[in-house]
Amino acid sequence: MANSKELSTRRKMRTRSHIRKRAGGKPRLSVYRSGKHIYAQVINDLQGKTLVAASTLEKDIRKKLKTGADVAAADEVGKLVAERALAEGVKEVVFDRGGYKYHGRVKALADAARKAGLSF
């Protein structure tokens, strides 16, 4: 029987492979959430480069928030990553939830990115 880390890795890779097949050359908005923080980055898989990134570890976001592990923090990171992506000329992305359920912090980040101008 596989342990939880192996199962998590399988889930992430399964999700990522489906996303890459359907992306059609669009960059990928990838989300990682830990117990204390949330991270988002826009990745160009064709070149293998990160175009923009944002997280709750950044000083300007940390000043605004009480903690980096709640829905408000995810909302701020979603807005920031969308603003940075639009500044780089990226308007359309595919959303990579990274094996997490589309719920709570992951959903808040996605909704904030959409409101800020990214389309996916």
Protein backbone atom coordinates (compact mmCIF):
# COMPACT_ATOMS: atom_id res chain seq x y z
CA MET A 1 0.00 0.00 0.00
CA ALA A 2 1.30 3.43 -0.92
CA ASN A 3 1.85 6.00 1.79
CA SER A 4 0.15 9.39 1.82
CA LYS A 5 3.09 11.24 0.24
CA GLU A 6 3.11 8.88 -2.75
CA LEU A 7 -0.64 9.21 -3.14
CA SER A 8 -0.37 13.01 -3.00
CA THR A 9 2.33 12.98 -5.68
CA ARG A 10 0.22 10.75 -7.92
CA ARG A 11 -2.75 13.10 -7.51
CA LYS A 12 -0.65 16.14 -8.41
CA MET A 13 0.88 14.49 -11.45
CA ARG A 14 -2.47 13.22 -12.68
CA THR A 15 -3.97 16.69 -12.41
CA ARG A 16 -0.93 18.32 -14.01
CA SER A 17 -0.91 15.92 -16.98
CA HIS A 18 -4.58 16.62 -17.72
CA ILE A 19 -3.90 20.36 -17.53
CA ARG A 20 -0.92 20.20 -19.89
CA LYS A 21 -2.92 18.23 -22.46
CA ARG A 22 -5.72 20.79 -22.48
CA ALA A 23 -3.62 23.95 -22.05
CA GLY A 24 -2.99 24.59 -25.71
CA GLY A 25 0.20 26.55 -25.01
CA LYS A 26 -1.26 28.75 -22.29
CA PRO A 27 0.73 29.35 -19.12
CA ARG A 28 -0.26 27.50 -15.96
CA LEU A 29 -1.32 29.18 -12.69
CA SER A 30 0.01 26.77 -10.08
CA VAL A 31 -1.02 26.87 -6.42
CA TYR A 32 0.78 25.45 -3.40
CA ARG A 33 -0.59 25.76 0.09
CA SER A 34 1.15 24.88 3.29
CA GLY A 35 -0.03 25.07 6.87
CA LYS A 36 1.23 28.62 7.29
CA HIS A 37 1.38 30.15 3.79
CA ILE A 38 0.03 30.03 0.25
CA TYR A 39 2.06 30.40 -2.94
CA ALA A 40 1.06 30.98 -6.58
CA GLN A 41 3.10 31.14 -9.74
CA VAL A 42 2.43 31.44 -13.45
CA ILE A 43 4.58 28.94 -15.34
CA ASN A 44 5.29 28.64 -19.04
CA ASP A 45 5.61 24.87 -19.49
CA LEU A 46 6.88 25.14 -23.06
CA GLN A 47 9.98 27.04 -21.92
CA GLY A 48 10.07 25.63 -18.41
CA LYS A 49 10.20 29.09 -16.82
CA THR A 50 8.29 30.81 -14.05
CA LEU A 51 6.89 34.06 -15.42
CA VAL A 52 5.54 35.60 -12.19
CA ALA A 53 5.08 34.49 -8.61
CA ALA A 54 3.47 35.72 -5.38
CA SER A 55 3.17 34.38 -1.86
CA THR A 56 2.29 35.36 1.68
CA LEU A 57 6.00 35.50 2.49
CA GLU A 58 6.36 38.88 0.76
CA LYS A 59 6.76 41.87 3.07
CA ASP A 60 3.98 44.02 1.61
CA ILE A 61 1.44 41.21 1.98
CA ARG A 62 2.65 40.19 5.45
CA LYS A 63 2.02 43.73 6.74
CA LYS A 64 -1.61 43.62 5.63
CA LEU A 65 -2.47 40.19 7.03
CA LYS A 66 -2.81 38.63 10.44
CA THR A 67 -1.78 35.20 9.14
CA GLY A 68 -0.75 33.71 5.82
CA ALA A 69 -2.96 30.66 6.20
CA ASP A 70 -6.50 31.94 5.72
CA VAL A 71 -8.89 32.89 2.94
CA ALA A 72 -8.03 36.60 3.19
CA ALA A 73 -4.36 35.80 2.57
CA ALA A 74 -5.24 33.66 -0.45
CA ASP A 75 -7.36 36.52 -1.78
CA GLU A 76 -4.43 38.94 -1.55
CA VAL A 77 -2.04 36.51 -3.25
CA GLY A 78 -4.56 35.92 -6.05
CA LYS A 79 -4.88 39.65 -6.71
CA LEU A 80 -1.12 40.16 -6.66
CA VAL A 81 -0.27 37.27 -8.99
CA ALA A 82 -2.96 38.45 -11.44
CA GLU A 83 -1.63 42.02 -11.44
CA ARG A 84 1.91 40.79 -12.07
CA ALA A 85 0.78 38.43 -14.83
CA LEU A 86 -1.14 41.18 -16.60
CA ALA A 87 1.94 43.41 -16.37
CA GLU A 88 3.93 40.64 -18.12
CA GLY A 89 1.29 40.42 -20.85
CA VAL A 90 -0.33 37.17 -19.71
CA LYS A 91 -4.13 37.36 -19.87
CA GLU A 92 -5.17 33.72 -20.20
CA VAL A 93 -3.93 30.85 -18.04
CA VAL A 94 -4.99 27.37 -17.05
CA PHE A 95 -5.53 26.76 -13.35
CA ASP A 96 -3.49 24.04 -11.62
CA ARG A 97 -4.94 23.36 -8.20
CA GLY A 98 -2.04 21.04 -7.45
CA GLY A 99 -4.04 18.09 -6.18
CA TYR A 100 -5.93 20.19 -3.63
CA LYS A 101 -9.70 20.37 -3.60
CA TYR A 102 -11.16 23.45 -5.25
CA HIS A 103 -12.38 24.75 -1.93
CA GLY A 104 -11.41 27.29 0.72
CA ARG A 105 -8.06 28.98 0.16
CA VAL A 106 -7.54 27.52 -3.32
CA LYS A 107 -10.95 28.74 -4.46
CA ALA A 108 -10.40 32.18 -2.89
CA LEU A 109 -7.10 32.57 -4.74
CA ALA A 110 -8.70 31.57 -8.05
CA ASP A 111 -11.67 33.90 -7.60
CA ALA A 112 -9.41 36.84 -6.70
CA ALA A 113 -7.23 36.22 -9.76
CA ARG A 114 -10.32 36.18 -11.97
CA LYS A 115 -11.62 39.43 -10.47
CA ALA A 116 -8.23 41.05 -11.02
CA GLY A 117 -8.36 40.26 -14.75
CA LEU A 118 -6.96 36.78 -15.45
CA SER A 119 -9.20 34.51 -17.46
CA PHE A 120 -9.33 30.74 -16.95
